N, C-alpha and C. Protein backbone atom coordinates (compact mmCIF):
# COMPACT_ATOMS: atom_id res chain seq x y z
N MET A 1 61.52 26.31 20.83
CA MET A 1 62.63 26.36 21.79
C MET A 1 62.56 25.12 22.67
N GLY A 2 63.68 24.39 22.75
CA GLY A 2 63.73 23.18 23.55
C GLY A 2 63.79 23.48 25.03
N GLU A 3 63.59 22.45 25.83
CA GLU A 3 63.60 22.60 27.29
C GLU A 3 64.96 23.10 27.79
N GLU A 4 66.04 22.59 27.18
CA GLU A 4 67.39 23.02 27.59
C GLU A 4 67.61 24.50 27.27
N ASP A 5 67.08 24.97 26.13
CA ASP A 5 67.20 26.38 25.77
C ASP A 5 66.53 27.27 26.80
N LYS A 6 65.36 26.87 27.29
CA LYS A 6 64.65 27.65 28.30
C LYS A 6 65.45 27.70 29.60
N THR A 7 66.05 26.58 29.97
CA THR A 7 66.85 26.52 31.19
C THR A 7 68.04 27.46 31.08
N GLN A 8 68.74 27.44 29.96
CA GLN A 8 69.91 28.29 29.78
C GLN A 8 69.53 29.77 29.75
N LYS A 9 68.36 30.08 29.18
CA LYS A 9 67.90 31.46 29.11
C LYS A 9 67.73 32.04 30.52
N ASN A 10 67.33 31.22 31.47
CA ASN A 10 67.11 31.66 32.85
C ASN A 10 68.36 31.52 33.72
N ASN A 11 69.45 31.01 33.18
CA ASN A 11 70.68 30.81 33.93
C ASN A 11 71.54 32.07 33.83
N LEU A 12 71.69 32.77 34.95
CA LEU A 12 72.48 34.01 34.97
C LEU A 12 73.93 33.79 34.58
N LEU A 13 74.43 32.59 34.78
CA LEU A 13 75.84 32.31 34.53
C LEU A 13 76.12 31.85 33.10
N HIS A 14 75.06 31.59 32.33
CA HIS A 14 75.24 31.07 30.97
C HIS A 14 76.08 32.03 30.13
N GLY A 15 77.13 31.50 29.55
CA GLY A 15 78.00 32.29 28.68
C GLY A 15 79.09 33.06 29.40
N LEU A 16 79.11 33.01 30.73
CA LEU A 16 80.14 33.72 31.49
C LEU A 16 81.28 32.77 31.84
N THR A 17 82.50 33.25 31.71
CA THR A 17 83.64 32.45 32.13
C THR A 17 83.84 32.63 33.63
N LEU A 18 84.53 31.70 34.23
CA LEU A 18 84.86 31.82 35.65
C LEU A 18 85.68 33.09 35.88
N GLU A 19 86.55 33.43 34.95
CA GLU A 19 87.35 34.64 35.09
C GLU A 19 86.47 35.90 35.12
N THR A 20 85.46 35.96 34.26
CA THR A 20 84.54 37.09 34.24
C THR A 20 83.77 37.18 35.56
N ILE A 21 83.28 36.05 36.02
CA ILE A 21 82.53 36.01 37.28
C ILE A 21 83.41 36.52 38.42
N LEU A 22 84.62 36.01 38.51
CA LEU A 22 85.53 36.39 39.58
C LEU A 22 85.93 37.87 39.47
N THR A 23 86.24 38.32 38.28
CA THR A 23 86.64 39.71 38.07
C THR A 23 85.50 40.66 38.46
N ASP A 24 84.29 40.34 38.05
CA ASP A 24 83.14 41.17 38.42
C ASP A 24 82.93 41.20 39.93
N LEU A 25 83.04 40.05 40.57
CA LEU A 25 82.86 40.01 42.03
C LEU A 25 83.92 40.85 42.74
N VAL A 26 85.16 40.74 42.30
CA VAL A 26 86.23 41.51 42.93
C VAL A 26 85.96 43.01 42.76
N LYS A 27 85.52 43.39 41.59
CA LYS A 27 85.29 44.80 41.30
C LYS A 27 84.12 45.37 42.10
N TYR A 28 83.05 44.62 42.22
CA TYR A 28 81.83 45.16 42.82
C TYR A 28 81.59 44.73 44.26
N VAL A 29 82.27 43.68 44.70
CA VAL A 29 82.11 43.21 46.08
C VAL A 29 83.41 43.40 46.86
N GLY A 30 84.54 43.07 46.22
CA GLY A 30 85.85 43.21 46.84
C GLY A 30 86.34 41.93 47.49
N TRP A 31 87.67 41.82 47.56
CA TRP A 31 88.29 40.63 48.14
C TRP A 31 87.90 40.44 49.60
N GLU A 32 87.86 41.55 50.35
CA GLU A 32 87.58 41.45 51.78
C GLU A 32 86.21 40.83 52.03
N LYS A 33 85.20 41.33 51.37
CA LYS A 33 83.84 40.80 51.55
C LYS A 33 83.75 39.37 51.04
N MET A 34 84.44 39.08 49.95
CA MET A 34 84.43 37.71 49.43
C MET A 34 85.05 36.75 50.43
N SER A 35 86.16 37.17 51.08
CA SER A 35 86.82 36.28 52.04
C SER A 35 85.98 36.13 53.31
N GLU A 36 85.16 37.14 53.63
CA GLU A 36 84.25 37.01 54.78
C GLU A 36 83.17 35.97 54.50
N LYS A 37 82.65 35.97 53.28
CA LYS A 37 81.55 35.09 52.92
C LYS A 37 82.01 33.68 52.53
N ILE A 38 83.18 33.60 51.92
CA ILE A 38 83.74 32.31 51.49
C ILE A 38 85.14 32.22 52.07
N SER A 39 85.29 31.44 53.10
CA SER A 39 86.55 31.37 53.83
C SER A 39 87.56 30.45 53.12
N ILE A 40 88.28 31.04 52.16
CA ILE A 40 89.35 30.31 51.49
C ILE A 40 90.57 31.23 51.39
N ASN A 41 91.74 30.65 51.52
CA ASN A 41 92.98 31.43 51.56
C ASN A 41 93.20 32.29 50.33
N CYS A 42 92.82 31.81 49.17
CA CYS A 42 93.11 32.58 47.96
C CYS A 42 92.33 33.89 47.90
N PHE A 43 91.32 34.07 48.77
CA PHE A 43 90.60 35.34 48.85
C PHE A 43 91.13 36.22 49.97
N SER A 44 91.76 35.63 50.96
CA SER A 44 92.16 36.42 52.13
C SER A 44 93.66 36.63 52.26
N ASN A 45 94.45 35.77 51.67
CA ASN A 45 95.90 35.84 51.82
C ASN A 45 96.56 36.23 50.49
N ASN A 46 96.84 37.53 50.32
CA ASN A 46 97.47 38.03 49.10
C ASN A 46 96.70 37.61 47.84
N PRO A 47 95.42 37.98 47.75
CA PRO A 47 94.57 37.48 46.66
C PRO A 47 94.92 38.05 45.29
N THR A 48 94.85 37.19 44.29
CA THR A 48 94.99 37.59 42.90
C THR A 48 93.95 36.81 42.09
N ILE A 49 93.61 37.35 40.95
CA ILE A 49 92.68 36.65 40.05
C ILE A 49 93.30 35.32 39.63
N LYS A 50 94.58 35.35 39.24
CA LYS A 50 95.25 34.14 38.75
C LYS A 50 95.26 33.01 39.78
N SER A 51 95.66 33.31 41.03
CA SER A 51 95.72 32.25 42.04
C SER A 51 94.32 31.76 42.40
N SER A 52 93.36 32.67 42.42
CA SER A 52 92.00 32.28 42.75
C SER A 52 91.40 31.40 41.65
N LEU A 53 91.65 31.76 40.39
CA LEU A 53 91.15 30.94 39.29
C LEU A 53 91.74 29.54 39.35
N SER A 54 93.02 29.45 39.62
CA SER A 54 93.68 28.15 39.72
C SER A 54 93.02 27.29 40.79
N PHE A 55 92.79 27.86 41.96
CA PHE A 55 92.16 27.13 43.06
C PHE A 55 90.72 26.75 42.71
N LEU A 56 89.95 27.70 42.21
CA LEU A 56 88.53 27.46 41.93
C LEU A 56 88.32 26.41 40.84
N ARG A 57 89.22 26.37 39.88
CA ARG A 57 89.09 25.37 38.80
C ARG A 57 89.32 23.95 39.31
N LYS A 58 90.06 23.82 40.40
CA LYS A 58 90.36 22.50 40.97
C LYS A 58 89.44 22.14 42.13
N THR A 59 88.59 23.08 42.56
CA THR A 59 87.82 22.88 43.78
C THR A 59 86.34 23.19 43.53
N PRO A 60 85.58 22.17 43.12
CA PRO A 60 84.18 22.39 42.74
C PRO A 60 83.31 23.04 43.83
N TRP A 61 83.49 22.68 45.09
CA TRP A 61 82.64 23.25 46.14
C TRP A 61 82.88 24.76 46.28
N ALA A 62 84.14 25.17 46.13
CA ALA A 62 84.46 26.60 46.24
C ALA A 62 83.94 27.36 45.01
N ARG A 63 84.07 26.75 43.85
CA ARG A 63 83.56 27.38 42.63
C ARG A 63 82.06 27.59 42.74
N LYS A 64 81.35 26.60 43.25
CA LYS A 64 79.90 26.71 43.41
C LYS A 64 79.55 27.87 44.34
N LYS A 65 80.29 28.04 45.42
CA LYS A 65 80.04 29.15 46.34
C LYS A 65 80.25 30.50 45.66
N VAL A 66 81.26 30.59 44.80
CA VAL A 66 81.53 31.81 44.06
C VAL A 66 80.38 32.08 43.08
N GLU A 67 79.91 31.05 42.41
CA GLU A 67 78.80 31.21 41.48
C GLU A 67 77.53 31.67 42.20
N VAL A 68 77.27 31.10 43.37
CA VAL A 68 76.11 31.52 44.15
C VAL A 68 76.26 32.98 44.59
N MET A 69 77.46 33.37 45.00
CA MET A 69 77.70 34.76 45.39
C MET A 69 77.46 35.69 44.20
N TYR A 70 77.89 35.28 43.02
CA TYR A 70 77.68 36.09 41.82
C TYR A 70 76.18 36.26 41.55
N GLU A 71 75.44 35.16 41.62
CA GLU A 71 74.00 35.22 41.40
C GLU A 71 73.32 36.13 42.42
N PHE A 72 73.74 36.05 43.67
CA PHE A 72 73.18 36.88 44.73
C PHE A 72 73.43 38.37 44.47
N ASN A 73 74.59 38.68 43.92
CA ASN A 73 74.98 40.07 43.67
C ASN A 73 74.75 40.52 42.23
N PHE A 74 74.07 39.71 41.44
CA PHE A 74 73.92 39.96 40.01
C PHE A 74 73.36 41.35 39.70
N LYS A 75 72.28 41.74 40.35
CA LYS A 75 71.67 43.04 40.06
C LYS A 75 72.63 44.18 40.38
N ARG A 76 73.34 44.08 41.48
CA ARG A 76 74.31 45.10 41.87
C ARG A 76 75.44 45.20 40.84
N ILE A 77 75.90 44.06 40.38
CA ILE A 77 76.99 44.02 39.40
C ILE A 77 76.52 44.64 38.08
N GLN A 78 75.32 44.26 37.64
CA GLN A 78 74.79 44.80 36.38
C GLN A 78 74.56 46.31 36.48
N LYS A 79 74.09 46.77 37.63
CA LYS A 79 73.88 48.20 37.83
C LYS A 79 75.21 48.95 37.74
N GLY A 80 76.25 48.39 38.36
CA GLY A 80 77.56 49.01 38.31
C GLY A 80 78.11 49.07 36.89
N LYS A 81 77.90 48.01 36.13
CA LYS A 81 78.37 48.00 34.73
C LYS A 81 77.61 49.03 33.90
N ALA A 82 76.31 49.16 34.15
CA ALA A 82 75.50 50.12 33.40
C ALA A 82 75.93 51.55 33.70
N GLU A 83 76.30 51.80 34.95
CA GLU A 83 76.74 53.14 35.33
C GLU A 83 78.08 53.50 34.69
N GLU A 84 78.90 52.49 34.42
CA GLU A 84 80.19 52.74 33.78
C GLU A 84 80.04 53.04 32.29
N ALA A 85 79.02 52.51 31.69
CA ALA A 85 78.83 52.64 30.23
C ALA A 85 78.41 54.04 29.82
């Protein structure tokens, strides 16, 4: 296994689309909490997945904050998915 393979194995975001990350966060954290933690209009003013994806794809600093929030909430999100299964 190469060094890059080891890095990807430990990357929680590997293989996840931005849409999946955002959808999971909305489901398990909610728009309100997301807008409290990341102050951007697309989370607080009439939020939708589509408008948020559009903004996040054009705004690297905001996307990074969303990714960090996902990593922080990863165990909670996975637990919620397991309970649904």
